[in-house]
Full PDB file with SEQRES, HELIX, SHEET, SSBOND, CRYST1, ORIGX, SCALE, CONECT and MASTER records, all heavy atoms in Angstrom:
SEQRES   1 A   40  GLU VAL GLN LEU VAL GLN SER GLY GLY GLY LEU VAL GLN          
SEQRES   2 A   40  PRO GLY GLY SER LEU ARG LEU SER CYS ALA ALA SER GLY          
SEQRES   3 A   40  PHE THR PHE SER ASN TYR ALA MET SER TRP VAL ARG GLN          
SEQRES   4 A   40  ALA                                                          
HELIX    1 AA1 PHE A   29  ASN A   31  5                                   3    
SHEET    1 AA1 2 GLN A   3  SER A   7  0                                        
SHEET    2 AA1 2 SER A  21  SER A  25 -1                                        
CRYST1    1.000    1.000    1.000  90.00  90.00  90.00 P 1           1          
ORIGX1      1.000000  0.000000  0.000000        0.00000                         
ORIGX2      0.000000  1.000000  0.000000        0.00000                         
ORIGX3      0.000000  0.000000  1.000000        0.00000                         
SCALE1      1.000000  0.000000  0.000000        0.00000                         
SCALE2      0.000000  1.000000  0.000000        0.00000                         
SCALE3      0.000000  0.000000  1.000000        0.00000                         
ATOM      1  N   GLU A   1     109.177 108.650  65.902  1.00  0.00           N  
ATOM      2  CA  GLU A   1     107.766 108.355  66.009  1.00  0.00           C  
ATOM      3  C   GLU A   1     107.542 107.312  67.096  1.00  0.00           C  
ATOM      4  O   GLU A   1     108.155 106.248  67.069  1.00  0.00           O  
ATOM      5  CB  GLU A   1     107.229 107.840  64.673  1.00  0.00           C  
ATOM      6  CG  GLU A   1     105.764 107.496  64.698  1.00  0.00           C  
ATOM      7  CD  GLU A   1     105.260 106.923  63.401  1.00  0.00           C  
ATOM      8  OE1 GLU A   1     106.045 106.206  62.726  1.00  0.00           O  
ATOM      9  OE2 GLU A   1     104.104 107.171  63.047  1.00  0.00           O  
ATOM     10  N   VAL A   2     106.656 107.625  68.028  1.00  0.00           N  
ATOM     11  CA  VAL A   2     106.328 106.692  69.088  1.00  0.00           C  
ATOM     12  C   VAL A   2     105.508 105.548  68.519  1.00  0.00           C  
ATOM     13  O   VAL A   2     104.520 105.772  67.811  1.00  0.00           O  
ATOM     14  CB  VAL A   2     105.553 107.380  70.218  1.00  0.00           C  
ATOM     15  CG1 VAL A   2     105.064 106.361  71.240  1.00  0.00           C  
ATOM     16  CG2 VAL A   2     106.429 108.435  70.882  1.00  0.00           C  
ATOM     17  N   GLN A   3     105.909 104.322  68.837  1.00  0.00           N  
ATOM     18  CA  GLN A   3     105.173 103.143  68.412  1.00  0.00           C  
ATOM     19  C   GLN A   3     105.061 102.162  69.565  1.00  0.00           C  
ATOM     20  O   GLN A   3     106.031 101.938  70.299  1.00  0.00           O  
ATOM     21  CB  GLN A   3     105.847 102.448  67.233  1.00  0.00           C  
ATOM     22  CG  GLN A   3     105.832 103.233  65.946  1.00  0.00           C  
ATOM     23  CD  GLN A   3     106.320 102.408  64.782  1.00  0.00           C  
ATOM     24  OE1 GLN A   3     105.565 101.626  64.197  1.00  0.00           O  
ATOM     25  NE2 GLN A   3     107.592 102.562  64.468  1.00  0.00           N  
ATOM     26  N   LEU A   4     103.874 101.589  69.716  1.00  0.00           N  
ATOM     27  CA  LEU A   4     103.611 100.550  70.694  1.00  0.00           C  
ATOM     28  C   LEU A   4     102.946  99.404  69.946  1.00  0.00           C  
ATOM     29  O   LEU A   4     101.809  99.534  69.499  1.00  0.00           O  
ATOM     30  CB  LEU A   4     102.709 101.059  71.814  1.00  0.00           C  
ATOM     31  CG  LEU A   4     103.245 102.240  72.631  1.00  0.00           C  
ATOM     32  CD1 LEU A   4     102.171 102.775  73.570  1.00  0.00           C  
ATOM     33  CD2 LEU A   4     104.478 101.824  73.433  1.00  0.00           C  
ATOM     34  N   VAL A   5     103.660  98.299  69.801  1.00  0.00           N  
ATOM     35  CA  VAL A   5     103.193  97.175  69.008  1.00  0.00           C  
ATOM     36  C   VAL A   5     102.913  95.998  69.925  1.00  0.00           C  
ATOM     37  O   VAL A   5     103.819  95.473  70.569  1.00  0.00           O  
ATOM     38  CB  VAL A   5     104.215  96.787  67.934  1.00  0.00           C  
ATOM     39  CG1 VAL A   5     103.697  95.609  67.106  1.00  0.00           C  
ATOM     40  CG2 VAL A   5     104.510  97.977  67.030  1.00  0.00           C  
ATOM     41  N   GLN A   6     101.655  95.573  69.952  1.00  0.00           N  
ATOM     42  CA  GLN A   6     101.222  94.546  70.872  1.00  0.00           C  
ATOM     43  C   GLN A   6     101.175  93.164  70.228  1.00  0.00           C  
ATOM     44  O   GLN A   6     100.987  93.023  69.018  1.00  0.00           O  
ATOM     45  CB  GLN A   6      99.828  94.875  71.418  1.00  0.00           C  
ATOM     46  CG  GLN A   6      99.772  96.174  72.187  1.00  0.00           C  
ATOM     47  CD  GLN A   6      98.388  96.493  72.675  1.00  0.00           C  
ATOM     48  OE1 GLN A   6      97.916  97.611  72.538  1.00  0.00           O  
ATOM     49  NE2 GLN A   6      97.714  95.502  73.256  1.00  0.00           N  
ATOM     50  N   SER A   7     101.292  92.147  71.072  1.00  0.00           N  
ATOM     51  CA  SER A   7     101.154  90.767  70.644  1.00  0.00           C  
ATOM     52  C   SER A   7     100.737  89.916  71.834  1.00  0.00           C  
ATOM     53  O   SER A   7     100.825  90.356  72.982  1.00  0.00           O  
ATOM     54  CB  SER A   7     102.459  90.236  70.046  1.00  0.00           C  
ATOM     55  OG  SER A   7     103.506  90.256  70.998  1.00  0.00           O  
ATOM     56  N   GLY A   8     100.273  88.697  71.560  1.00  0.00           N  
ATOM     57  CA  GLY A   8     100.003  87.738  72.614  1.00  0.00           C  
ATOM     58  C   GLY A   8      98.554  87.484  72.967  1.00  0.00           C  
ATOM     59  O   GLY A   8      98.274  86.671  73.849  1.00  0.00           O  
ATOM     60  N   GLY A   9      97.626  88.151  72.315  1.00  0.00           N  
ATOM     61  CA  GLY A   9      96.225  87.908  72.599  1.00  0.00           C  
ATOM     62  C   GLY A   9      95.755  86.587  72.025  1.00  0.00           C  
ATOM     63  O   GLY A   9      96.496  85.872  71.350  1.00  0.00           O  
ATOM     64  N   GLY A  10      94.491  86.261  72.313  1.00  0.00           N  
ATOM     65  CA  GLY A  10      93.935  85.036  71.779  1.00  0.00           C  
ATOM     66  C   GLY A  10      92.787  84.512  72.599  1.00  0.00           C  
ATOM     67  O   GLY A  10      92.261  85.190  73.480  1.00  0.00           O  
ATOM     68  N   LEU A  11      92.402  83.286  72.306  1.00  0.00           N  
ATOM     69  CA  LEU A  11      91.308  82.599  72.979  1.00  0.00           C  
ATOM     70  C   LEU A  11      91.863  81.665  74.038  1.00  0.00           C  
ATOM     71  O   LEU A  11      92.795  80.896  73.781  1.00  0.00           O  
ATOM     72  CB  LEU A  11      90.494  81.805  71.958  1.00  0.00           C  
ATOM     73  CG  LEU A  11      89.375  80.917  72.488  1.00  0.00           C  
ATOM     74  CD1 LEU A  11      88.278  81.766  73.124  1.00  0.00           C  
ATOM     75  CD2 LEU A  11      88.810  80.070  71.357  1.00  0.00           C  
ATOM     76  N   VAL A  12      91.280  81.722  75.231  1.00  0.00           N  
ATOM     77  CA  VAL A  12      91.721  80.868  76.326  1.00  0.00           C  
ATOM     78  C   VAL A  12      90.515  80.428  77.143  1.00  0.00           C  
ATOM     79  O   VAL A  12      89.513  81.143  77.222  1.00  0.00           O  
ATOM     80  CB  VAL A  12      92.757  81.606  77.203  1.00  0.00           C  
ATOM     81  CG1 VAL A  12      92.131  82.815  77.880  1.00  0.00           C  
ATOM     82  CG2 VAL A  12      93.382  80.672  78.220  1.00  0.00           C  
ATOM     83  N   GLN A  13      90.594  79.248  77.737  1.00  0.00           N  
ATOM     84  CA  GLN A  13      89.511  78.744  78.573  1.00  0.00           C  
ATOM     85  C   GLN A  13      89.533  79.392  79.951  1.00  0.00           C  
ATOM     86  O   GLN A  13      90.582  79.829  80.419  1.00  0.00           O  
ATOM     87  CB  GLN A  13      89.625  77.227  78.718  1.00  0.00           C  
ATOM     88  CG  GLN A  13      89.402  76.468  77.422  1.00  0.00           C  
ATOM     89  CD  GLN A  13      89.435  74.972  77.617  1.00  0.00           C  
ATOM     90  OE1 GLN A  13      89.804  74.468  78.667  1.00  0.00           O  
ATOM     91  NE2 GLN A  13      89.031  74.247  76.595  1.00  0.00           N  
ATOM     92  N   PRO A  14      88.371  79.457  80.619  1.00  0.00           N  
ATOM     93  CA  PRO A  14      88.360  79.970  81.988  1.00  0.00           C  
ATOM     94  C   PRO A  14      89.362  79.233  82.870  1.00  0.00           C  
ATOM     95  O   PRO A  14      89.489  78.008  82.790  1.00  0.00           O  
ATOM     96  CB  PRO A  14      86.920  79.713  82.443  1.00  0.00           C  
ATOM     97  CG  PRO A  14      86.134  79.749  81.176  1.00  0.00           C  
ATOM     98  CD  PRO A  14      87.031  79.108  80.145  1.00  0.00           C  
ATOM     99  N   GLY A  15      90.067  79.991  83.686  1.00  0.00           N  
ATOM    100  CA  GLY A  15      91.105  79.427  84.528  1.00  0.00           C  
ATOM    101  C   GLY A  15      92.465  79.365  83.877  1.00  0.00           C  
ATOM    102  O   GLY A  15      93.461  79.075  84.554  1.00  0.00           O  
ATOM    103  N   GLY A  16      92.522  79.653  82.594  1.00  0.00           N  
ATOM    104  CA  GLY A  16      93.770  79.597  81.867  1.00  0.00           C  
ATOM    105  C   GLY A  16      94.624  80.831  82.038  1.00  0.00           C  
ATOM    106  O   GLY A  16      94.271  81.762  82.764  1.00  0.00           O  
ATOM    107  N   SER A  17      95.748  80.832  81.347  1.00  0.00           N  
ATOM    108  CA  SER A  17      96.717  81.920  81.440  1.00  0.00           C  
ATOM    109  C   SER A  17      97.101  82.422  80.060  1.00  0.00           C  
ATOM    110  O   SER A  17      97.026  81.691  79.066  1.00  0.00           O  
ATOM    111  CB  SER A  17      97.981  81.455  82.170  1.00  0.00           C  
ATOM    112  OG  SER A  17      97.697  81.044  83.492  1.00  0.00           O  
ATOM    113  N   LEU A  18      97.534  83.658  80.025  1.00  0.00           N  
ATOM    114  CA  LEU A  18      97.953  84.282  78.785  1.00  0.00           C  
ATOM    115  C   LEU A  18      98.925  85.402  79.113  1.00  0.00           C  
ATOM    116  O   LEU A  18      98.789  86.059  80.147  1.00  0.00           O  
ATOM    117  CB  LEU A  18      96.731  84.834  78.054  1.00  0.00           C  
ATOM    118  CG  LEU A  18      96.788  85.041  76.538  1.00  0.00           C  
ATOM    119  CD1 LEU A  18      97.024  83.724  75.815  1.00  0.00           C  
ATOM    120  CD2 LEU A  18      95.482  85.667  76.066  1.00  0.00           C  
ATOM    121  N   ARG A  19      99.889  85.629  78.238  1.00  0.00           N  
ATOM    122  CA  ARG A  19     100.831  86.726  78.419  1.00  0.00           C  
ATOM    123  C   ARG A  19     100.777  87.667  77.234  1.00  0.00           C  
ATOM    124  O   ARG A  19     100.935  87.243  76.089  1.00  0.00           O  
ATOM    125  CB  ARG A  19     102.264  86.210  78.595  1.00  0.00           C  
ATOM    126  CG  ARG A  19     103.271  87.330  78.877  1.00  0.00           C  
ATOM    127  CD  ARG A  19     104.663  86.798  79.164  1.00  0.00           C  
ATOM    128  NE  ARG A  19     105.266  86.196  77.986  1.00  0.00           N  
ATOM    129  CZ  ARG A  19     106.483  85.667  77.946  1.00  0.00           C  
ATOM    130  NH1 ARG A  19     107.235  85.668  79.053  1.00  0.00           N  
ATOM    131  NH2 ARG A  19     106.953  85.134  76.837  1.00  0.00           N  
ATOM    132  N   LEU A  20     100.577  88.939  77.515  1.00  0.00           N  
ATOM    133  CA  LEU A  20     100.577  89.973  76.501  1.00  0.00           C  
ATOM    134  C   LEU A  20     101.910  90.700  76.498  1.00  0.00           C  
ATOM    135  O   LEU A  20     102.529  90.887  77.542  1.00  0.00           O  
ATOM    136  CB  LEU A  20      99.462  90.983  76.752  1.00  0.00           C  
ATOM    137  CG  LEU A  20      98.040  90.431  76.907  1.00  0.00           C  
ATOM    138  CD1 LEU A  20      97.066  91.589  77.091  1.00  0.00           C  
ATOM    139  CD2 LEU A  20      97.652  89.568  75.723  1.00  0.00           C  
ATOM    140  N   SER A  21     102.331  91.129  75.321  1.00  0.00           N  
ATOM    141  CA  SER A  21     103.565  91.881  75.183  1.00  0.00           C  
ATOM    142  C   SER A  21     103.301  93.184  74.442  1.00  0.00           C  
ATOM    143  O   SER A  21     102.381  93.274  73.626  1.00  0.00           O  
ATOM    144  CB  SER A  21     104.616  91.073  74.411  1.00  0.00           C  
ATOM    145  OG  SER A  21     104.966  89.895  75.100  1.00  0.00           O  
ATOM    146  N   CYS A  22     104.125  94.175  74.718  1.00  0.00           N  
ATOM    147  CA  CYS A  22     104.024  95.480  74.071  1.00  0.00           C  
ATOM    148  C   CYS A  22     105.433  95.976  73.804  1.00  0.00           C  
ATOM    149  O   CYS A  22     106.167  96.315  74.744  1.00  0.00           O  
ATOM    150  CB  CYS A  22     103.253  96.446  74.969  1.00  0.00           C  
ATOM    151  SG  CYS A  22     103.178  98.148  74.381  1.00  0.00           S  
ATOM    152  N   ALA A  23     105.823  96.008  72.548  1.00  0.00           N  
ATOM    153  CA  ALA A  23     107.155  96.457  72.151  1.00  0.00           C  
ATOM    154  C   ALA A  23     107.125  97.942  71.834  1.00  0.00           C  
ATOM    155  O   ALA A  23     106.369  98.384  70.965  1.00  0.00           O  
ATOM    156  CB  ALA A  23     107.633  95.663  70.943  1.00  0.00           C  
ATOM    157  N   ALA A  24     107.954  98.710  72.526  1.00  0.00           N  
ATOM    158  CA  ALA A  24     107.951 100.162  72.402  1.00  0.00           C  
ATOM    159  C   ALA A  24     109.152 100.666  71.624  1.00  0.00           C  
ATOM    160  O   ALA A  24     110.243 100.102  71.680  1.00  0.00           O  
ATOM    161  CB  ALA A  24     107.940 100.805  73.786  1.00  0.00           C  
ATOM    162  N   SER A  25     108.954 101.768  70.913  1.00  0.00           N  
ATOM    163  CA  SER A  25     110.044 102.426  70.205  1.00  0.00           C  
ATOM    164  C   SER A  25     109.693 103.897  70.005  1.00  0.00           C  
ATOM    165  O   SER A  25     108.547 104.297  70.153  1.00  0.00           O  
ATOM    166  CB  SER A  25     110.322 101.752  68.858  1.00  0.00           C  
ATOM    167  OG  SER A  25     109.189 101.820  68.009  1.00  0.00           O  
ATOM    168  N   GLY A  26     110.691 104.705  69.673  1.00  0.00           N  
ATOM    169  CA  GLY A  26     110.470 106.112  69.390  1.00  0.00           C  
ATOM    170  C   GLY A  26     110.546 107.032  70.591  1.00  0.00           C  
ATOM    171  O   GLY A  26     110.314 108.243  70.455  1.00  0.00           O  
ATOM    172  N   PHE A  27     110.855 106.492  71.753  1.00  0.00           N  
ATOM    173  CA  PHE A  27     111.039 107.296  72.960  1.00  0.00           C  
ATOM    174  C   PHE A  27     111.917 106.522  73.930  1.00  0.00           C  
ATOM    175  O   PHE A  27     112.169 105.329  73.731  1.00  0.00           O  
ATOM    176  CB  PHE A  27     109.699 107.675  73.602  1.00  0.00           C  
ATOM    177  CG  PHE A  27     108.919 106.516  74.149  1.00  0.00           C  
ATOM    178  CD1 PHE A  27     108.894 106.241  75.511  1.00  0.00           C  
ATOM    179  CD2 PHE A  27     108.183 105.693  73.305  1.00  0.00           C  
ATOM    180  CE1 PHE A  27     108.167 105.178  76.023  1.00  0.00           C  
ATOM    181  CE2 PHE A  27     107.451 104.625  73.797  1.00  0.00           C  
ATOM    182  CZ  PHE A  27     107.441 104.373  75.157  1.00  0.00           C  
ATOM    183  N   THR A  28     112.380 107.208  74.954  1.00  0.00           N  
ATOM    184  CA  THR A  28     113.224 106.552  75.953  1.00  0.00           C  
ATOM    185  C   THR A  28     112.331 105.775  76.910  1.00  0.00           C  
ATOM    186  O   THR A  28     111.844 106.304  77.909  1.00  0.00           O  
ATOM    187  CB  THR A  28     114.086 107.574  76.697  1.00  0.00           C  
ATOM    188  OG1 THR A  28     114.840 108.345  75.756  1.00  0.00           O  
ATOM    189  CG2 THR A  28     115.062 106.865  77.634  1.00  0.00           C  
ATOM    190  N   PHE A  29     112.127 104.524  76.580  1.00  0.00           N  
ATOM    191  CA  PHE A  29     111.183 103.666  77.292  1.00  0.00           C  
ATOM    192  C   PHE A  29     111.439 103.647  78.795  1.00  0.00           C  
ATOM    193  O   PHE A  29     110.500 103.707  79.596  1.00  0.00           O  
ATOM    194  CB  PHE A  29     111.273 102.257  76.700  1.00  0.00           C  
ATOM    195  CG  PHE A  29     110.364 101.243  77.324  1.00  0.00           C  
ATOM    196  CD1 PHE A  29     109.006 101.249  77.060  1.00  0.00           C  
ATOM    197  CD2 PHE A  29     110.875 100.264  78.167  1.00  0.00           C  
ATOM    198  CE1 PHE A  29     108.163 100.303  77.619  1.00  0.00           C  
ATOM    199  CE2 PHE A  29     110.048  99.305  78.735  1.00  0.00           C  
ATOM    200  CZ  PHE A  29     108.691  99.332  78.459  1.00  0.00           C  
ATOM    201  N   SER A  30     112.689 103.574  79.179  1.00  0.00           N  
ATOM    202  CA  SER A  30     113.039 103.430  80.589  1.00  0.00           C  
ATOM    203  C   SER A  30     112.721 104.663  81.439  1.00  0.00           C  
ATOM    204  O   SER A  30     112.791 104.588  82.666  1.00  0.00           O  
ATOM    205  CB  SER A  30     114.523 103.084  80.732  1.00  0.00           C  
ATOM    206  OG  SER A  30     115.338 104.109  80.189  1.00  0.00           O  
ATOM    207  N   ASN A  31     112.359 105.777  80.814  1.00  0.00           N  
ATOM    208  CA  ASN A  31     112.039 107.001  81.546  1.00  0.00           C  
ATOM    209  C   ASN A  31     110.559 107.172  81.856  1.00  0.00           C  
ATOM    210  O   ASN A  31     110.184 108.132  82.536  1.00  0.00           O  
ATOM    211  CB  ASN A  31     112.502 108.236  80.761  1.00  0.00           C  
ATOM    212  CG  ASN A  31     114.002 108.429  80.805  1.00  0.00           C  
ATOM    213  OD1 ASN A  31     114.710 107.764  81.561  1.00  0.00           O  
ATOM    214  ND2 ASN A  31     114.499 109.339  79.987  1.00  0.00           N  
ATOM    215  N   TYR A  32     109.715 106.262  81.378  1.00  0.00           N  
ATOM    216  CA  TYR A  32     108.276 106.484  81.480  1.00  0.00           C  
ATOM    217  C   TYR A  32     107.531 105.323  82.120  1.00  0.00           C  
ATOM    218  O   TYR A  32     107.843 104.151  81.889  1.00  0.00           O  
ATOM    219  CB  TYR A  32     107.681 106.740  80.093  1.00  0.00           C  
ATOM    220  CG  TYR A  32     108.124 108.052  79.508  1.00  0.00           C  
ATOM    221  CD1 TYR A  32     109.259 108.131  78.718  1.00  0.00           C  
ATOM    222  CD2 TYR A  32     107.414 109.220  79.774  1.00  0.00           C  
ATOM    223  CE1 TYR A  32     109.682 109.339  78.199  1.00  0.00           C  
ATOM    224  CE2 TYR A  32     107.831 110.431  79.259  1.00  0.00           C  
ATOM    225  CZ  TYR A  32     108.967 110.482  78.474  1.00  0.00           C  
ATOM    226  OH  TYR A  32     109.381 111.684  77.959  1.00  0.00           O  
ATOM    227  N   ALA A  33     106.526 105.676  82.909  1.00  0.00           N  
ATOM    228  CA  ALA A  33     105.577 104.687  83.388  1.00  0.00           C  
ATOM    229  C   ALA A  33     104.745 104.171  82.218  1.00  0.00           C  
ATOM    230  O   ALA A  33     104.524 104.883  81.233  1.00  0.00           O  
ATOM    231  CB  ALA A  33     104.661 105.300  84.449  1.00  0.00           C  
ATOM    232  N   MET A  34     104.296 102.937  82.328  1.00  0.00           N  
ATOM    233  CA  MET A  34     103.484 102.312  81.289  1.00  0.00           C  
ATOM    234  C   MET A  34     102.262 101.660  81.924  1.00  0.00           C  
ATOM    235  O   MET A  34     102.240 101.384  83.126  1.00  0.00           O  
ATOM    236  CB  MET A  34     104.290 101.261  80.529  1.00  0.00           C  
ATOM    237  CG  MET A  34     105.469 101.803  79.745  1.00  0.00           C  
ATOM    238  SD  MET A  34     104.972 102.813  78.314  1.00  0.00           S  
ATOM    239  CE  MET A  34     104.151 101.582  77.287  1.00  0.00           C  
ATOM    240  N   SER A  35     101.263 101.389  81.098  1.00  0.00           N  
ATOM    241  CA  SER A  35     100.011 100.865  81.623  1.00  0.00           C  
ATOM    242  C   SER A  35      99.363  99.886  80.661  1.00  0.00           C  
ATOM    243  O   SER A  35      99.684  99.832  79.463  1.00  0.00           O  
ATOM    244  CB  SER A  35      99.032 102.007  81.916  1.00  0.00           C  
ATOM    245  OG  SER A  35      98.636 102.655  80.719  1.00  0.00           O  
ATOM    246  N   TRP A  36      98.433  99.112  81.214  1.00  0.00           N  
ATOM    247  CA  TRP A  36      97.519  98.287  80.433  1.00  0.00           C  
ATOM    248  C   TRP A  36      96.094  98.760  80.718  1.00  0.00           C  
ATOM    249  O   TRP A  36      95.722  98.981  81.877  1.00  0.00           O  
ATOM    250  CB  TRP A  36      97.639  96.804  80.790  1.00  0.00           C  
ATOM    251  CG  TRP A  36      98.921  96.185  80.337  1.00  0.00           C  
ATOM    252  CD1 TRP A  36     100.045  95.976  81.070  1.00  0.00           C  
ATOM    253  CD2 TRP A  36      99.208  95.683  79.021  1.00  0.00           C  
ATOM    254  NE1 TRP A  36     101.017  95.374  80.312  1.00  0.00           N  
ATOM    255  CE2 TRP A  36     100.535  95.190  79.045  1.00  0.00           C  
ATOM    256  CE3 TRP A  36      98.483  95.604  77.831  1.00  0.00           C  
ATOM    257  CZ2 TRP A  36     101.145  94.622  77.923  1.00  0.00           C  
ATOM    258  CZ3 TRP A  36      99.090  95.045  76.711  1.00  0.00           C  
ATOM    259  CH2 TRP A  36     100.393  94.565  76.765  1.00  0.00           C  
ATOM    260  N   VAL A  37      95.321  98.896  79.657  1.00  0.00           N  
ATOM    261  CA  VAL A  37      93.941  99.342  79.726  1.00  0.00           C  
ATOM    262  C   VAL A  37      93.108  98.387  78.884  1.00  0.00           C  
ATOM    263  O   VAL A  37      93.594  97.879  77.873  1.00  0.00           O  
ATOM    264  CB  VAL A  37      93.794 100.786  79.198  1.00  0.00           C  
ATOM    265  CG1 VAL A  37      92.364 101.289  79.340  1.00  0.00           C  
ATOM    266  CG2 VAL A  37      94.758 101.720  79.927  1.00  0.00           C  
ATOM    267  N   ARG A  38      91.871  98.135  79.275  1.00  0.00           N  
ATOM    268  CA  ARG A  38      91.035  97.229  78.498  1.00  0.00           C  
ATOM    269  C   ARG A  38      89.654  97.812  78.256  1.00  0.00           C  
ATOM    270  O   ARG A  38      89.202  98.706  78.963  1.00  0.00           O  
ATOM    271  CB  ARG A  38      90.912  95.865  79.180  1.00  0.00           C  
ATOM    272  CG  ARG A  38      90.124  95.865  80.486  1.00  0.00           C  
ATOM    273  CD  ARG A  38      90.172  94.492  81.137  1.00  0.00           C  
ATOM    274  NE  ARG A  38      89.393  94.436  82.368  1.00  0.00           N  
ATOM    275  CZ  ARG A  38      89.349  93.392  83.184  1.00  0.00           C  
ATOM    276  NH1 ARG A  38      90.055  92.292  82.899  1.00  0.00           N  
ATOM    277  NH2 ARG A  38      88.607  93.438  84.287  1.00  0.00           N  
ATOM    278  N   GLN A  39      88.985  97.274  77.240  1.00  0.00           N  
ATOM    279  CA  GLN A  39      87.632  97.691  76.906  1.00  0.00           C  
ATOM    280  C   GLN A  39      86.814  96.463  76.553  1.00  0.00           C  
ATOM    281  O   GLN A  39      87.044  95.829  75.517  1.00  0.00           O  
ATOM    282  CB  GLN A  39      87.635  98.695  75.752  1.00  0.00           C  
ATOM    283  CG  GLN A  39      86.269  99.270  75.454  1.00  0.00           C  
ATOM    284  CD  GLN A  39      86.330 100.465  74.525  1.00  0.00           C  
ATOM    285  OE1 GLN A  39      85.573 101.422  74.679  1.00  0.00           O  
ATOM    286  NE2 GLN A  39      87.231 100.424  73.559  1.00  0.00           N  
ATOM    287  N   ALA A  40      85.875  96.122  77.413  1.00  0.00           N  
ATOM    288  CA  ALA A  40      84.979  95.004  77.169  1.00  0.00           C  
ATOM    289  C   ALA A  40      83.909  95.422  76.165  1.00  0.00           C  
ATOM    290  O   ALA A  40      83.633  96.613  76.004  1.00  0.00           O  
ATOM    291  CB  ALA A  40      84.337  94.550  78.473  1.00  0.00           C  
TER     292      ALA A  40                                                      
MASTER        0    0    0    1    2    0    0    6  291    1    0    4          
END                                                                             
């Protein structure tokens, strides 16, 4: 089963920094392109 489990979001002030992570399983991760998409 393909799973993508995210972490690292939160509240930050303008000008600040944040790092998001996405842990993948259930497929050969190294064989596929990956992306980040957002929805305001």
